[in-house]
Protein backbone atom coordinates (compact mmCIF):
# COMPACT_ATOMS: atom_id res chain seq x y z
CA MET A 1 149.02 82.52 144.30
CA THR A 2 152.70 81.65 143.79
CA TYR A 3 154.58 78.96 145.70
CA LEU A 4 158.26 78.14 145.62
CA VAL A 5 158.83 74.48 144.91
CA TYR A 6 162.08 72.94 146.09
CA HIS A 7 163.54 70.02 144.15
CA ASN A 8 163.51 66.79 146.18
CA GLY A 9 161.49 68.42 148.91
CA TYR A 10 158.39 70.35 149.80
CA HIS A 11 157.39 73.94 150.35
CA VAL A 12 154.59 74.14 152.88
CA CYS A 13 152.22 77.06 153.32
CA GLU A 14 149.27 77.34 155.64
CA HIS A 15 146.86 75.42 153.41
CA HIS A 16 148.74 73.75 150.59
CA LEU A 17 151.66 71.49 149.86
CA ILE A 18 153.24 70.91 146.51
CA ALA A 19 154.97 67.57 146.06
CA VAL A 20 157.87 67.14 143.70
CA ILE A 21 159.01 63.90 142.12
CA TYR A 22 162.75 63.50 142.46
CA LEU A 23 164.56 61.74 139.65
CA PRO A 24 168.11 60.68 140.67
CA ALA A 25 171.33 62.09 139.26
CA VAL A 26 169.86 65.50 138.50
CA PRO A 27 171.10 68.75 140.06
CA PRO A 28 168.69 70.56 142.43
CA THR A 29 166.29 72.96 140.80
CA ILE A 30 164.19 75.74 142.30
CA ILE A 31 161.15 76.88 140.36
CA SER A 32 158.02 78.89 141.01
CA VAL A 33 154.58 78.03 139.72
CA ASN A 34 151.09 79.43 139.90
CA ILE A 35 148.48 77.01 141.21
CA PRO A 36 144.80 77.93 140.88
CA PRO A 37 142.95 77.59 144.19
CA PRO A 38 140.58 74.61 144.41
CA PRO A 39 136.82 75.23 144.39
CA PRO A 40 134.95 75.35 147.72
CA PRO A 41 134.55 71.94 149.38
CA ARG A 42 130.80 71.95 148.80
CA GLN A 43 131.45 71.65 145.07
CA LEU A 44 133.44 68.43 145.48
CA PRO A 45 132.29 64.98 146.53
CA LEU A 46 132.74 64.27 150.21
CA LYS A 47 136.11 62.80 151.01
CA THR A 48 136.30 59.75 153.24
CA ALA A 49 139.19 57.99 154.90
CA THR A 50 138.83 55.03 152.55
CA THR A 51 138.51 56.86 149.24
CA THR A 52 140.57 55.55 146.30
CA ARG A 53 139.11 57.98 143.79
CA GLU A 54 140.86 61.23 144.64
CA VAL A 55 142.94 61.49 141.47
CA PHE A 56 142.37 59.90 138.08
CA ILE A 57 145.52 59.67 135.95
CA ASN A 58 144.91 59.77 132.20
CA PHE A 59 147.95 58.73 130.14
CA ARG A 60 149.31 56.71 127.23
CA GLY A 61 151.14 53.81 128.81
CA LEU A 62 153.47 53.26 125.88
CA ASP A 63 155.28 56.52 126.64
CA VAL A 64 155.20 56.97 130.39
CA ARG A 65 153.85 53.94 132.27
CA ASN A 66 157.16 52.73 133.73
CA THR A 67 158.79 56.15 134.09
CA PHE A 68 156.82 59.30 134.75
CA ILE A 69 153.58 57.62 135.86
CA ASP A 70 155.30 55.30 138.34
CA HIS A 71 157.08 58.27 139.93
CA LEU A 72 153.88 60.31 139.96
CA GLN A 73 151.83 57.62 141.65
CA ALA A 74 154.57 56.91 144.18
CA ALA A 75 154.67 60.60 145.12
CA LEU A 76 150.89 60.69 145.52
CA ARG A 77 150.97 57.60 147.71
CA ARG A 78 153.60 59.18 149.94
CA GLU A 79 151.11 61.99 150.53
CA ARG A 80 148.36 59.40 151.15
CA VAL A 81 146.44 60.53 148.09
CA GLY A 82 144.47 57.77 146.34
CA ALA A 83 145.16 57.62 142.60
CA PHE A 84 143.45 55.54 139.92
CA ARG A 85 145.25 54.36 136.79
CA ASP A 86 143.22 52.10 134.58
CA ASP A 87 146.03 49.77 133.47
CA VAL A 88 146.55 48.65 137.07
CA ASP A 89 143.47 49.37 139.15
CA SER A 90 140.57 48.28 136.95
CA GLY A 91 141.17 44.60 137.74
CA ARG A 92 140.17 41.49 135.82
CA GLY A 93 136.80 39.92 135.22
CA VAL A 94 135.00 43.28 135.25
CA ASN A 95 133.60 45.58 132.66
CA VAL A 96 136.79 47.60 132.30
CA LYS A 97 135.34 50.39 130.21
CA GLN A 98 132.43 51.07 132.54
CA GLY A 99 134.70 50.76 135.57
CA VAL A 100 137.09 53.37 134.20
CA LEU A 101 134.29 55.78 133.30
CA ARG A 102 132.86 55.37 136.79
CA ALA A 103 136.30 56.08 138.27
CA ILE A 104 136.45 59.32 136.29
CA GLU A 105 133.03 60.34 137.59
CA GLU A 106 134.00 59.57 141.19
CA SER A 107 137.42 61.22 141.12
CA ARG A 108 137.94 64.65 142.64
CA PHE A 109 140.90 65.71 140.47
CA TYR A 110 142.42 64.70 137.14
CA VAL A 111 146.01 64.53 135.94
CA VAL A 112 146.19 64.39 132.13
CA VAL A 113 149.65 63.44 130.84
CA LEU A 114 149.94 64.40 127.18
CA SER A 115 152.90 62.60 125.61
CA ARG A 116 154.11 62.02 122.05
CA SER A 117 151.87 59.03 121.28
CA TYR A 118 148.95 60.05 123.50
CA ALA A 119 146.54 60.73 120.63
CA SER A 120 147.25 57.37 118.98
CA SER A 121 145.07 55.78 121.69
CA LYS A 122 141.34 56.16 121.10
CA TRP A 123 140.77 55.13 124.73
CA CYS A 124 142.99 57.94 126.06
CA LEU A 125 140.95 60.36 123.99
CA ASP A 126 137.63 58.86 125.13
CA GLU A 127 138.78 59.25 128.74
CA LEU A 128 139.74 62.86 128.05
CA VAL A 129 136.27 63.61 126.67
CA LYS A 130 134.74 62.15 129.85
CA ILE A 131 137.16 64.16 132.00
CA MET A 132 136.23 67.35 130.14
CA HIS A 133 132.51 66.76 130.66
CA CYS A 134 132.92 65.93 134.37
CA SER A 135 135.21 68.89 134.93
CA ASN A 136 132.83 71.32 133.26
CA LYS A 137 129.69 69.88 134.84
CA HIS A 138 130.95 69.46 138.40
CA ASN A 139 133.66 72.14 138.50
CA LYS A 140 136.41 69.60 139.12
CA ILE A 141 140.04 70.49 138.54
CA ALA A 142 142.24 68.99 135.81
CA PHE A 143 146.03 69.29 135.82
CA PRO A 144 147.52 68.86 132.33
CA VAL A 145 151.15 67.79 132.06
CA PHE A 146 152.70 68.29 128.62
CA TYR A 147 155.36 65.59 128.68
CA HIS A 148 157.99 66.22 126.00
CA VAL A 149 155.37 68.05 123.92
CA SER A 150 154.29 71.68 123.94
CA PRO A 151 150.74 73.02 124.28
CA GLU A 152 151.18 74.70 120.89
CA ASP A 153 152.18 71.41 119.28
CA VAL A 154 149.18 69.62 120.79
CA SER A 155 146.73 72.30 119.70
CA ALA A 156 148.00 72.35 116.09
CA VAL A 157 146.40 68.98 115.26
CA GLY A 158 145.43 69.92 111.72
CA GLY A 159 148.45 72.05 110.93
CA GLY A 160 151.44 69.83 111.41
CA GLY A 161 151.24 69.36 115.17
CA CYS A 162 152.50 66.27 116.93
CA TYR A 163 149.09 64.54 116.69
CA LYS A 164 148.34 65.28 113.04
CA GLU A 165 149.19 61.79 111.74
CA ASP A 166 147.16 60.15 114.52
CA PHE A 167 144.10 62.20 113.64
CA ASP A 168 144.55 61.62 109.93
CA ARG A 169 144.18 57.90 110.70
CA HIS A 170 141.31 58.46 113.15
CA LYS A 171 139.32 60.40 110.55
CA LYS A 172 139.44 57.41 108.19
CA LYS A 173 138.34 54.93 110.85
CA TYR A 174 135.90 56.66 113.21
CA THR A 175 132.83 58.81 112.86
CA TYR A 176 133.03 62.56 112.46
CA GLU A 177 131.18 63.07 115.75
CA ARG A 178 133.65 60.96 117.72
CA VAL A 179 136.74 62.55 116.19
CA ASP A 180 135.30 66.03 116.63
CA GLY A 181 134.69 65.27 120.32
CA TRP A 182 138.34 64.27 120.71
CA LEU A 183 139.48 67.49 119.04
CA GLN A 184 137.26 69.55 121.33
CA ALA A 185 138.67 67.76 124.37
CA LEU A 186 142.25 68.44 123.27
CA ALA A 187 141.44 72.11 122.66
CA TRP A 188 139.90 72.26 126.14
CA VAL A 189 142.84 70.69 127.95
CA VAL A 190 145.34 72.92 126.15
CA GLY A 191 143.43 75.89 127.54
CA VAL A 192 143.78 74.65 131.14
CA SER A 193 146.71 75.91 133.17
CA GLY A 194 149.29 73.12 133.40
CA TRP A 195 152.98 72.29 133.18
CA VAL A 196 155.41 71.56 130.38
CA VAL A 197 158.00 68.90 131.17
CA ALA A 198 160.68 69.29 128.52
CA SER A 199 163.14 67.03 130.34
CA ASP A 200 163.16 64.69 133.31
CA GLN A 201 164.74 67.22 135.68
CA TYR A 202 161.67 67.75 137.82
CA VAL A 203 157.97 67.06 137.87
CA ILE A 204 155.38 68.96 139.90
CA VAL A 205 152.79 66.56 141.24
CA ASN A 206 149.89 68.34 142.89
CA PRO A 207 148.67 70.83 145.44
CA CYS A 208 147.72 69.23 148.73
CA LEU A 209 144.47 67.49 147.85
CA ALA A 210 143.74 66.84 151.51
CA CYS A 211 143.36 70.59 151.98
CA ALA A 212 140.84 70.99 149.18
């Protein structure tokens, strides 16, 4: 199903809403995108008024924490959608790793932001493996955002792609099984319908999660 998305605004249909992050000093842009329909409600965890695990945001903070991610989370909050980002929400004095993995399990949707240095973080890749398993097992939806990278560049890890140097280092430091799991997760996310953000003109956030 195709929806028109208006820059700095919303296009509303009977069941869905697509939010757009507005970045100042950019001319208005109208685009159209195809959004896959969400699975039936029975396939998703029950949503409550107090949930904070609707969306898990997987990202490399070095690239996008104070730019794209801040805008993304602000847009989700405006739509009253709870979003979890581990560099802010995991808190102190807790088992951070287990808390983040639990947040992935409890989340209903995933936003995976693949940026230039994404694969340099073993934790980003570990999160992606967990997201892949949860998505496949529970039929949850992941929304990849290719931020200043292309799907083709991400998928060409061993052939000169943007993550080749990162994985050359990983192969010297980590086990074959762990690295192979990361490669499988990247291949999986590249095959999921998502968006390429080549500039900061506009960013599509999400279909209306409240309607799912």
